[in-house]
N, C-alpha and C. Protein backbone atom coordinates (compact mmCIF):
# COMPACT_ATOMS: atom_id res chain seq x y z
N MET A 1 23.92 -45.05 55.88
CA MET A 1 23.35 -44.87 54.56
C MET A 1 22.27 -43.80 54.59
N LYS A 2 21.40 -43.91 55.67
CA LYS A 2 20.34 -42.91 55.81
C LYS A 2 20.93 -41.53 56.00
N LEU A 3 21.97 -41.44 56.75
CA LEU A 3 22.61 -40.15 57.00
C LEU A 3 23.20 -39.58 55.71
N LYS A 4 23.76 -40.44 54.90
CA LYS A 4 24.35 -40.00 53.63
C LYS A 4 23.26 -39.49 52.70
N VAL A 5 22.13 -40.20 52.58
CA VAL A 5 21.01 -39.78 51.73
C VAL A 5 20.41 -38.50 52.25
N LEU A 6 20.26 -38.42 53.59
CA LEU A 6 19.70 -37.22 54.21
C LEU A 6 20.59 -36.01 53.99
N SER A 7 21.88 -36.16 54.10
CA SER A 7 22.79 -35.04 53.88
C SER A 7 22.82 -34.61 52.41
N ILE A 8 22.73 -35.54 51.48
CA ILE A 8 22.68 -35.19 50.06
C ILE A 8 21.37 -34.47 49.76
N PHE A 9 20.28 -34.98 50.32
CA PHE A 9 18.98 -34.35 50.14
C PHE A 9 18.98 -32.93 50.72
N SER A 10 19.54 -32.75 51.92
CA SER A 10 19.63 -31.44 52.56
C SER A 10 20.48 -30.49 51.73
N LEU A 11 21.58 -30.97 51.22
CA LEU A 11 22.45 -30.16 50.38
C LEU A 11 21.73 -29.72 49.11
N PHE A 12 20.99 -30.65 48.52
CA PHE A 12 20.22 -30.35 47.31
C PHE A 12 19.18 -29.26 47.59
N ILE A 13 18.46 -29.38 48.69
CA ILE A 13 17.44 -28.37 49.04
C ILE A 13 18.11 -27.04 49.34
N PHE A 14 19.21 -27.06 50.04
CA PHE A 14 19.92 -25.81 50.37
C PHE A 14 20.40 -25.09 49.10
N LEU A 15 20.94 -25.83 48.16
CA LEU A 15 21.45 -25.22 46.94
C LEU A 15 20.35 -24.79 45.98
N SER A 16 19.22 -25.47 46.03
CA SER A 16 18.14 -25.12 45.11
C SER A 16 17.34 -23.91 45.58
N CYS A 17 17.51 -23.47 46.78
CA CYS A 17 16.74 -22.34 47.32
C CYS A 17 17.49 -21.02 47.24
N THR A 18 18.49 -20.92 46.42
CA THR A 18 19.22 -19.66 46.28
C THR A 18 18.40 -18.69 45.45
N ASN A 19 18.64 -17.43 45.64
CA ASN A 19 17.94 -16.40 44.87
C ASN A 19 18.40 -16.42 43.43
N PRO A 20 17.47 -16.22 42.50
CA PRO A 20 17.87 -16.21 41.09
C PRO A 20 18.74 -15.00 40.77
N VAL A 21 19.66 -15.19 39.88
CA VAL A 21 20.56 -14.12 39.47
C VAL A 21 20.00 -13.50 38.19
N PRO A 22 19.77 -12.19 38.17
CA PRO A 22 19.24 -11.58 36.93
C PRO A 22 20.26 -11.68 35.80
N ARG A 23 19.78 -11.97 34.63
CA ARG A 23 20.61 -12.09 33.45
C ARG A 23 20.41 -10.86 32.57
N PRO A 24 21.43 -10.42 31.88
CA PRO A 24 21.24 -9.28 30.98
C PRO A 24 20.34 -9.67 29.80
N LYS A 25 19.59 -8.70 29.32
CA LYS A 25 18.70 -8.96 28.18
C LYS A 25 19.56 -9.19 26.94
N ALA A 26 19.19 -10.19 26.20
CA ALA A 26 19.90 -10.51 24.96
C ALA A 26 19.16 -9.90 23.79
N LEU A 27 19.89 -9.43 22.83
CA LEU A 27 19.30 -8.88 21.62
C LEU A 27 19.72 -9.72 20.43
N LEU A 28 18.77 -9.97 19.56
CA LEU A 28 19.05 -10.74 18.35
C LEU A 28 19.88 -9.87 17.41
N ARG A 29 20.97 -10.41 16.96
CA ARG A 29 21.82 -9.66 16.05
C ARG A 29 21.64 -10.20 14.64
N LEU A 30 21.05 -9.38 13.81
CA LEU A 30 20.81 -9.76 12.43
C LEU A 30 21.75 -8.96 11.54
N GLU A 31 22.45 -9.65 10.69
CA GLU A 31 23.34 -8.98 9.76
C GLU A 31 22.91 -9.31 8.35
N TYR A 32 22.75 -8.27 7.55
CA TYR A 32 22.35 -8.43 6.17
C TYR A 32 23.49 -8.01 5.27
N PRO A 33 23.58 -8.59 4.09
CA PRO A 33 24.69 -8.22 3.20
C PRO A 33 24.56 -6.77 2.73
N VAL A 34 25.68 -6.18 2.43
CA VAL A 34 25.68 -4.82 1.88
C VAL A 34 24.96 -4.86 0.54
N GLY A 35 24.11 -3.87 0.31
CA GLY A 35 23.34 -3.84 -0.93
C GLY A 35 24.22 -3.75 -2.16
N ASN A 36 24.03 -4.67 -3.07
CA ASN A 36 24.75 -4.69 -4.34
C ASN A 36 23.67 -4.65 -5.42
N TYR A 37 23.66 -3.60 -6.23
CA TYR A 37 22.53 -3.35 -7.12
C TYR A 37 22.89 -3.55 -8.58
N GLU A 38 21.85 -3.98 -9.34
CA GLU A 38 21.98 -4.17 -10.77
C GLU A 38 20.78 -3.54 -11.45
N LYS A 39 20.97 -3.18 -12.70
CA LYS A 39 19.90 -2.56 -13.48
C LYS A 39 18.83 -3.60 -13.80
N PHE A 40 17.58 -3.22 -13.59
CA PHE A 40 16.43 -4.06 -13.93
C PHE A 40 15.64 -3.30 -14.99
N ALA A 41 15.66 -3.81 -16.21
CA ALA A 41 15.02 -3.13 -17.34
C ALA A 41 14.05 -4.09 -18.03
N PRO A 42 12.86 -4.25 -17.47
CA PRO A 42 11.88 -5.12 -18.12
C PRO A 42 11.33 -4.47 -19.39
N PRO A 43 10.59 -5.21 -20.21
CA PRO A 43 9.99 -4.61 -21.41
C PRO A 43 8.78 -3.76 -21.03
N CYS A 44 9.03 -2.76 -20.23
CA CYS A 44 8.01 -1.87 -19.68
C CYS A 44 8.48 -0.43 -19.85
N PRO A 45 7.63 0.54 -19.55
CA PRO A 45 8.05 1.93 -19.74
C PRO A 45 8.95 2.47 -18.62
N TYR A 46 9.55 1.60 -17.83
CA TYR A 46 10.43 2.07 -16.76
C TYR A 46 11.57 1.08 -16.53
N GLU A 47 12.57 1.57 -15.80
CA GLU A 47 13.71 0.75 -15.37
C GLU A 47 14.21 1.32 -14.05
N PHE A 48 14.92 0.50 -13.30
CA PHE A 48 15.49 0.93 -12.02
C PHE A 48 16.56 -0.06 -11.60
N LYS A 49 17.25 0.24 -10.51
CA LYS A 49 18.23 -0.69 -9.97
C LYS A 49 17.61 -1.42 -8.79
N LYS A 50 17.88 -2.74 -8.73
CA LYS A 50 17.37 -3.57 -7.65
C LYS A 50 18.52 -4.33 -7.01
N ASN A 51 18.30 -4.79 -5.82
CA ASN A 51 19.29 -5.58 -5.10
C ASN A 51 19.51 -6.91 -5.82
N LYS A 52 20.77 -7.29 -5.99
CA LYS A 52 21.08 -8.54 -6.69
C LYS A 52 20.60 -9.77 -5.94
N THR A 53 20.46 -9.68 -4.63
CA THR A 53 20.01 -10.84 -3.85
C THR A 53 18.51 -11.08 -3.99
N ALA A 54 17.78 -10.12 -4.52
CA ALA A 54 16.32 -10.25 -4.66
C ALA A 54 15.98 -10.93 -5.98
N ARG A 55 14.90 -11.67 -5.97
CA ARG A 55 14.43 -12.39 -7.16
C ARG A 55 13.16 -11.70 -7.66
N VAL A 56 13.09 -11.45 -8.95
CA VAL A 56 11.93 -10.79 -9.54
C VAL A 56 10.97 -11.84 -10.08
N ILE A 57 9.72 -11.70 -9.70
CA ILE A 57 8.66 -12.59 -10.19
C ILE A 57 7.70 -11.73 -10.99
N ASN A 58 7.57 -12.05 -12.28
CA ASN A 58 6.70 -11.29 -13.18
C ASN A 58 5.25 -11.67 -12.90
N LYS A 59 4.41 -10.65 -12.67
CA LYS A 59 2.99 -10.90 -12.45
C LYS A 59 2.24 -10.72 -13.77
N SER A 60 2.03 -9.50 -14.18
CA SER A 60 1.38 -9.22 -15.46
C SER A 60 1.40 -7.72 -15.70
N ASP A 61 1.28 -7.34 -16.96
CA ASP A 61 1.15 -5.93 -17.30
C ASP A 61 2.17 -5.02 -16.62
N CYS A 62 3.43 -5.41 -16.66
CA CYS A 62 4.52 -4.62 -16.06
C CYS A 62 4.39 -4.48 -14.55
N SER A 63 3.79 -5.46 -13.90
CA SER A 63 3.71 -5.52 -12.45
C SER A 63 4.58 -6.69 -11.98
N PHE A 64 5.34 -6.47 -10.91
CA PHE A 64 6.31 -7.44 -10.45
C PHE A 64 6.29 -7.57 -8.94
N ASN A 65 6.77 -8.71 -8.47
CA ASN A 65 7.10 -8.89 -7.06
C ASN A 65 8.60 -9.04 -6.98
N ILE A 66 9.22 -8.26 -6.13
CA ILE A 66 10.65 -8.40 -5.87
C ILE A 66 10.75 -9.13 -4.54
N GLU A 67 11.16 -10.39 -4.62
CA GLU A 67 11.10 -11.28 -3.46
C GLU A 67 12.44 -11.40 -2.76
N TYR A 68 12.40 -11.28 -1.44
CA TYR A 68 13.56 -11.47 -0.57
C TYR A 68 13.27 -12.72 0.27
N LYS A 69 13.65 -13.86 -0.27
CA LYS A 69 13.26 -15.14 0.32
C LYS A 69 13.78 -15.30 1.75
N GLY A 70 15.03 -14.95 2.00
CA GLY A 70 15.61 -15.11 3.32
C GLY A 70 14.95 -14.26 4.39
N MET A 71 14.32 -13.17 3.98
CA MET A 71 13.64 -12.29 4.93
C MET A 71 12.13 -12.51 4.96
N LYS A 72 11.66 -13.40 4.10
CA LYS A 72 10.23 -13.65 3.97
C LYS A 72 9.48 -12.35 3.69
N ALA A 73 9.96 -11.63 2.67
CA ALA A 73 9.38 -10.33 2.32
C ALA A 73 9.35 -10.16 0.81
N SER A 74 8.46 -9.29 0.36
CA SER A 74 8.36 -8.93 -1.06
C SER A 74 7.98 -7.47 -1.19
N ILE A 75 8.50 -6.88 -2.26
CA ILE A 75 8.07 -5.54 -2.66
C ILE A 75 7.17 -5.74 -3.87
N PHE A 76 5.92 -5.37 -3.73
CA PHE A 76 4.95 -5.50 -4.82
C PHE A 76 4.97 -4.22 -5.63
N ILE A 77 5.28 -4.31 -6.91
CA ILE A 77 5.32 -3.15 -7.79
C ILE A 77 4.23 -3.30 -8.84
N THR A 78 3.38 -2.28 -8.94
CA THR A 78 2.25 -2.30 -9.86
C THR A 78 2.32 -1.09 -10.77
N HIS A 79 2.16 -1.32 -12.08
CA HIS A 79 2.18 -0.26 -13.06
C HIS A 79 0.79 -0.06 -13.62
N LYS A 80 0.39 1.21 -13.79
CA LYS A 80 -0.88 1.53 -14.42
C LYS A 80 -0.67 2.68 -15.39
N LYS A 81 -1.40 2.62 -16.48
CA LYS A 81 -1.36 3.71 -17.47
C LYS A 81 -2.27 4.83 -17.00
N ILE A 82 -1.84 6.05 -17.25
CA ILE A 82 -2.66 7.21 -16.93
C ILE A 82 -3.51 7.52 -18.15
N ASP A 83 -4.82 7.55 -17.94
CA ASP A 83 -5.74 7.96 -18.99
C ASP A 83 -5.99 9.45 -18.86
N GLU A 84 -6.88 9.96 -19.64
CA GLU A 84 -7.13 11.41 -19.66
C GLU A 84 -7.48 11.98 -18.28
N ASN A 85 -8.29 11.28 -17.51
CA ASN A 85 -8.80 11.87 -16.27
C ASN A 85 -8.56 11.01 -15.04
N ASN A 86 -7.67 10.04 -15.07
CA ASN A 86 -7.58 9.16 -13.92
C ASN A 86 -6.37 9.39 -13.01
N LEU A 87 -5.56 10.41 -13.23
CA LEU A 87 -4.41 10.66 -12.36
C LEU A 87 -4.85 10.94 -10.93
N ASP A 88 -5.88 11.77 -10.75
CA ASP A 88 -6.36 12.06 -9.40
C ASP A 88 -6.85 10.79 -8.71
N GLU A 89 -7.53 9.94 -9.46
CA GLU A 89 -8.04 8.68 -8.90
C GLU A 89 -6.89 7.77 -8.50
N LEU A 90 -5.86 7.68 -9.34
CA LEU A 90 -4.70 6.84 -9.02
C LEU A 90 -3.97 7.37 -7.78
N LEU A 91 -3.84 8.67 -7.66
CA LEU A 91 -3.21 9.27 -6.48
C LEU A 91 -4.02 8.98 -5.22
N ARG A 92 -5.35 9.15 -5.31
CA ARG A 92 -6.22 8.86 -4.16
C ARG A 92 -6.12 7.39 -3.75
N ASP A 93 -6.11 6.49 -4.74
CA ASP A 93 -6.01 5.06 -4.43
C ASP A 93 -4.69 4.72 -3.75
N ALA A 94 -3.59 5.31 -4.21
CA ALA A 94 -2.28 5.05 -3.61
C ALA A 94 -2.24 5.56 -2.17
N GLN A 95 -2.80 6.74 -1.94
CA GLN A 95 -2.83 7.30 -0.58
C GLN A 95 -3.78 6.50 0.31
N LYS A 96 -4.91 6.08 -0.25
CA LYS A 96 -5.88 5.29 0.51
C LYS A 96 -5.26 3.96 0.93
N LEU A 97 -4.52 3.33 0.03
CA LEU A 97 -3.86 2.06 0.35
C LEU A 97 -2.92 2.22 1.54
N THR A 98 -2.18 3.31 1.56
CA THR A 98 -1.27 3.57 2.67
C THR A 98 -2.03 3.83 3.95
N TYR A 99 -3.04 4.68 3.90
CA TYR A 99 -3.73 5.08 5.12
C TYR A 99 -4.75 4.06 5.61
N GLU A 100 -4.94 2.96 4.89
CA GLU A 100 -5.72 1.85 5.43
C GLU A 100 -4.97 1.18 6.58
N HIS A 101 -3.66 1.39 6.66
CA HIS A 101 -2.84 0.81 7.72
C HIS A 101 -2.84 1.64 8.99
N VAL A 102 -3.55 2.77 8.99
CA VAL A 102 -3.54 3.66 10.14
C VAL A 102 -4.14 3.01 11.39
N ILE A 103 -4.98 2.00 11.21
CA ILE A 103 -5.59 1.31 12.35
C ILE A 103 -4.52 0.66 13.22
N LYS A 104 -3.54 0.03 12.60
CA LYS A 104 -2.48 -0.67 13.33
C LYS A 104 -1.19 0.14 13.44
N ALA A 105 -1.06 1.16 12.63
CA ALA A 105 0.19 1.93 12.58
C ALA A 105 0.29 2.89 13.76
N ASP A 106 1.51 3.07 14.25
CA ASP A 106 1.77 4.08 15.27
C ASP A 106 1.98 5.44 14.62
N ASN A 107 2.56 5.44 13.42
CA ASN A 107 2.87 6.69 12.74
C ASN A 107 3.07 6.41 11.24
N ILE A 108 2.71 7.38 10.42
CA ILE A 108 2.97 7.31 8.99
C ILE A 108 3.65 8.61 8.59
N VAL A 109 4.87 8.49 8.07
CA VAL A 109 5.64 9.65 7.66
C VAL A 109 5.66 9.72 6.14
N GLU A 110 5.26 10.87 5.59
CA GLU A 110 5.27 11.09 4.15
C GLU A 110 6.52 11.86 3.76
N GLN A 111 7.17 11.43 2.69
CA GLN A 111 8.34 12.14 2.18
C GLN A 111 8.19 12.28 0.67
N PRO A 112 7.95 13.50 0.19
CA PRO A 112 7.82 13.70 -1.26
C PRO A 112 9.13 13.36 -1.97
N PHE A 113 8.99 12.89 -3.21
CA PHE A 113 10.15 12.53 -4.02
C PHE A 113 10.04 13.26 -5.36
N VAL A 114 11.11 13.99 -5.72
CA VAL A 114 11.13 14.73 -6.98
C VAL A 114 12.48 14.52 -7.65
N ASN A 115 12.43 14.06 -8.90
CA ASN A 115 13.62 13.94 -9.73
C ASN A 115 13.27 14.59 -11.07
N LYS A 116 13.49 15.89 -11.15
CA LYS A 116 13.10 16.64 -12.35
C LYS A 116 13.88 16.20 -13.59
N ASP A 117 15.15 15.81 -13.41
CA ASP A 117 15.97 15.41 -14.55
C ASP A 117 15.37 14.22 -15.30
N ASP A 118 14.81 13.26 -14.55
CA ASP A 118 14.24 12.07 -15.17
C ASP A 118 12.71 12.09 -15.19
N ASN A 119 12.13 13.21 -14.81
CA ASN A 119 10.67 13.38 -14.82
C ASN A 119 9.97 12.34 -13.95
N VAL A 120 10.50 12.12 -12.74
CA VAL A 120 9.94 11.15 -11.80
C VAL A 120 9.50 11.91 -10.55
N TYR A 121 8.22 11.77 -10.22
CA TYR A 121 7.64 12.45 -9.07
C TYR A 121 6.88 11.42 -8.25
N GLY A 122 6.90 11.57 -6.94
CA GLY A 122 6.17 10.60 -6.13
C GLY A 122 6.18 10.91 -4.66
N MET A 123 5.85 9.87 -3.89
CA MET A 123 5.78 9.99 -2.44
C MET A 123 6.27 8.68 -1.83
N PHE A 124 7.02 8.81 -0.74
CA PHE A 124 7.51 7.67 0.03
C PHE A 124 6.81 7.71 1.38
N TYR A 125 6.23 6.58 1.78
CA TYR A 125 5.55 6.49 3.07
C TYR A 125 6.27 5.48 3.95
N LYS A 126 6.66 5.92 5.13
CA LYS A 126 7.27 5.03 6.12
C LYS A 126 6.23 4.80 7.22
N VAL A 127 5.84 3.55 7.41
CA VAL A 127 4.80 3.19 8.36
C VAL A 127 5.46 2.49 9.54
N SER A 128 5.23 3.00 10.75
CA SER A 128 5.78 2.34 11.93
C SER A 128 4.64 1.77 12.76
N GLY A 129 4.92 0.66 13.41
CA GLY A 129 3.91 -0.04 14.19
C GLY A 129 3.64 -1.40 13.59
N ASN A 130 2.61 -2.06 14.09
CA ASN A 130 2.29 -3.42 13.67
C ASN A 130 1.40 -3.46 12.43
N ALA A 131 1.64 -2.57 11.50
CA ALA A 131 0.87 -2.54 10.25
C ALA A 131 1.34 -3.65 9.32
N ALA A 132 0.47 -4.01 8.38
CA ALA A 132 0.80 -5.08 7.44
C ALA A 132 1.94 -4.70 6.50
N SER A 133 2.04 -3.42 6.14
CA SER A 133 3.09 -2.95 5.24
C SER A 133 3.88 -1.85 5.93
N GLN A 134 5.21 -1.97 5.93
CA GLN A 134 6.06 -1.00 6.61
C GLN A 134 6.48 0.15 5.72
N THR A 135 6.44 -0.05 4.41
CA THR A 135 6.86 0.98 3.47
C THR A 135 5.98 0.92 2.23
N GLN A 136 5.60 2.10 1.74
CA GLN A 136 4.80 2.20 0.52
C GLN A 136 5.34 3.40 -0.27
N PHE A 137 5.14 3.37 -1.58
CA PHE A 137 5.53 4.51 -2.39
C PHE A 137 4.73 4.52 -3.68
N TYR A 138 4.75 5.67 -4.33
CA TYR A 138 4.25 5.75 -5.71
C TYR A 138 5.14 6.69 -6.49
N LEU A 139 5.22 6.43 -7.79
CA LEU A 139 6.02 7.25 -8.71
C LEU A 139 5.20 7.47 -9.97
N THR A 140 5.34 8.66 -10.56
CA THR A 140 4.61 8.97 -11.78
C THR A 140 5.39 9.97 -12.62
N ASP A 141 5.07 9.98 -13.92
CA ASP A 141 5.59 11.03 -14.79
C ASP A 141 4.50 12.09 -15.00
N SER A 142 3.35 11.90 -14.37
CA SER A 142 2.19 12.81 -14.41
C SER A 142 1.48 12.86 -15.75
N ILE A 143 1.93 12.08 -16.73
CA ILE A 143 1.33 12.14 -18.06
C ILE A 143 0.85 10.76 -18.52
N ASN A 144 1.74 9.76 -18.46
CA ASN A 144 1.43 8.44 -19.03
C ASN A 144 1.46 7.28 -18.04
N ASN A 145 2.32 7.35 -17.03
CA ASN A 145 2.60 6.18 -16.20
C ASN A 145 2.47 6.47 -14.71
N PHE A 146 2.03 5.42 -13.99
CA PHE A 146 1.87 5.51 -12.54
C PHE A 146 2.29 4.16 -11.95
N VAL A 147 3.23 4.17 -11.01
CA VAL A 147 3.75 2.96 -10.39
C VAL A 147 3.58 3.06 -8.88
N THR A 148 3.06 2.01 -8.28
CA THR A 148 2.97 1.94 -6.81
C THR A 148 3.84 0.79 -6.33
N GLY A 149 4.31 0.90 -5.11
CA GLY A 149 5.10 -0.15 -4.51
C GLY A 149 4.76 -0.31 -3.04
N SER A 150 4.72 -1.54 -2.58
CA SER A 150 4.40 -1.84 -1.18
C SER A 150 5.29 -2.97 -0.68
N LEU A 151 5.79 -2.82 0.52
CA LEU A 151 6.60 -3.85 1.17
C LEU A 151 5.71 -4.67 2.09
N TYR A 152 5.73 -5.99 1.91
CA TYR A 152 4.98 -6.89 2.78
C TYR A 152 5.87 -8.03 3.25
N PHE A 153 5.68 -8.42 4.50
CA PHE A 153 6.36 -9.58 5.07
C PHE A 153 5.37 -10.74 5.14
N TYR A 154 5.87 -11.96 4.96
CA TYR A 154 5.02 -13.14 5.00
C TYR A 154 4.91 -13.70 6.41
N VAL A 155 4.82 -12.82 7.37
CA VAL A 155 4.65 -13.21 8.77
C VAL A 155 3.66 -12.25 9.41
N LYS A 156 3.15 -12.63 10.57
CA LYS A 156 2.26 -11.74 11.31
C LYS A 156 3.05 -10.51 11.72
N PRO A 157 2.51 -9.31 11.47
CA PRO A 157 3.27 -8.10 11.77
C PRO A 157 3.58 -7.96 13.27
N ASN A 158 4.84 -7.93 13.59
CA ASN A 158 5.33 -7.63 14.93
C ASN A 158 6.49 -6.66 14.72
N TYR A 159 6.21 -5.39 14.92
CA TYR A 159 7.13 -4.33 14.54
C TYR A 159 8.54 -4.53 15.09
N ASP A 160 8.65 -4.95 16.35
CA ASP A 160 9.97 -5.13 16.95
C ASP A 160 10.76 -6.23 16.25
N SER A 161 10.09 -7.27 15.83
CA SER A 161 10.77 -8.41 15.21
C SER A 161 11.22 -8.12 13.78
N ILE A 162 10.38 -7.41 13.01
CA ILE A 162 10.71 -7.19 11.60
C ILE A 162 11.45 -5.88 11.36
N LEU A 163 11.66 -5.09 12.41
CA LEU A 163 12.28 -3.77 12.24
C LEU A 163 13.64 -3.81 11.53
N PRO A 164 14.58 -4.71 11.89
CA PRO A 164 15.86 -4.71 11.16
C PRO A 164 15.69 -5.00 9.67
N ALA A 165 14.85 -5.96 9.33
CA ALA A 165 14.61 -6.28 7.92
C ALA A 165 13.89 -5.12 7.23
N ALA A 166 12.95 -4.48 7.92
CA ALA A 166 12.23 -3.35 7.34
C ALA A 166 13.18 -2.19 7.03
N HIS A 167 14.15 -1.94 7.92
CA HIS A 167 15.14 -0.89 7.66
C HIS A 167 16.01 -1.23 6.46
N TYR A 168 16.44 -2.49 6.38
CA TYR A 168 17.27 -2.92 5.26
C TYR A 168 16.51 -2.76 3.94
N LEU A 169 15.25 -3.20 3.91
CA LEU A 169 14.46 -3.12 2.69
C LEU A 169 14.04 -1.69 2.37
N GLU A 170 13.94 -0.85 3.37
CA GLU A 170 13.66 0.57 3.12
C GLU A 170 14.78 1.18 2.28
N LYS A 171 16.01 0.80 2.57
CA LYS A 171 17.15 1.29 1.77
C LYS A 171 17.03 0.82 0.32
N ASP A 172 16.61 -0.44 0.14
CA ASP A 172 16.44 -0.95 -1.23
C ASP A 172 15.32 -0.19 -1.96
N ILE A 173 14.25 0.11 -1.26
CA ILE A 173 13.14 0.86 -1.88
C ILE A 173 13.59 2.27 -2.25
N ARG A 174 14.33 2.89 -1.38
CA ARG A 174 14.85 4.22 -1.69
C ARG A 174 15.78 4.16 -2.92
N LYS A 175 16.57 3.09 -3.03
CA LYS A 175 17.44 2.92 -4.20
C LYS A 175 16.60 2.75 -5.46
N ILE A 176 15.51 1.99 -5.38
CA ILE A 176 14.60 1.85 -6.52
C ILE A 176 14.09 3.21 -6.94
N MET A 177 13.64 4.01 -5.98
CA MET A 177 13.08 5.33 -6.29
C MET A 177 14.15 6.26 -6.88
N GLU A 178 15.33 6.25 -6.30
CA GLU A 178 16.40 7.15 -6.75
C GLU A 178 16.92 6.80 -8.15
N THR A 179 16.85 5.53 -8.53
CA THR A 179 17.38 5.11 -9.83
C THR A 179 16.27 4.90 -10.86
N PHE A 180 15.04 5.20 -10.51
CA PHE A 180 13.90 4.97 -11.38
C PHE A 180 13.94 5.93 -12.57
N LYS A 181 13.76 5.38 -13.77
CA LYS A 181 13.76 6.19 -15.00
C LYS A 181 12.65 5.69 -15.90
N TRP A 182 12.05 6.63 -16.61
CA TRP A 182 11.04 6.28 -17.61
C TRP A 182 11.74 6.05 -18.94
N LYS A 183 11.33 5.02 -19.63
CA LYS A 183 11.88 4.72 -20.95
C LYS A 183 10.99 5.36 -22.00
N LYS A 184 11.60 5.68 -23.09
CA LYS A 184 10.82 6.17 -24.23
C LYS A 184 10.37 4.96 -25.03
N MET A 185 9.09 4.73 -25.06
CA MET A 185 8.54 3.53 -25.73
C MET A 185 8.00 3.89 -27.10
């Protein structure tokens, strides 16, 4: 009996002392649905197309949150009227909001946006790194209306983890900008 226990114990020790075998790194595979867009025309001086999977939450004064519940993210859209002398101030505030993320951001890429046919002008900001917002933009007609948008996730920023969702939502934001039109009120 002792010999049997001793041999099982010896076998156990012999097998447990083998060198570990390296395993290949696994990558999380996230798949998002293909963007399907619908016209969003609130009683405001603008309209655009938004992803059908997103839910719009009305805040106030033509400001909205476009919520992506499954991704724990929202696009905050804020509308402001342009007064006689506040366009420069609104532009500075929009740029300041983006560049407040420079502390945590690795890079901020600016891409001007011009749609002369619909009188829509603006800027798209792509922020990379562990910043709180990965994408920001503003749009204006330069006369009456100014709209800003910011993408935020409801999690602690970890660029590697949120990157697939950030890329998906970047496409939605670009669609918003490309389909943005001012209404005649």
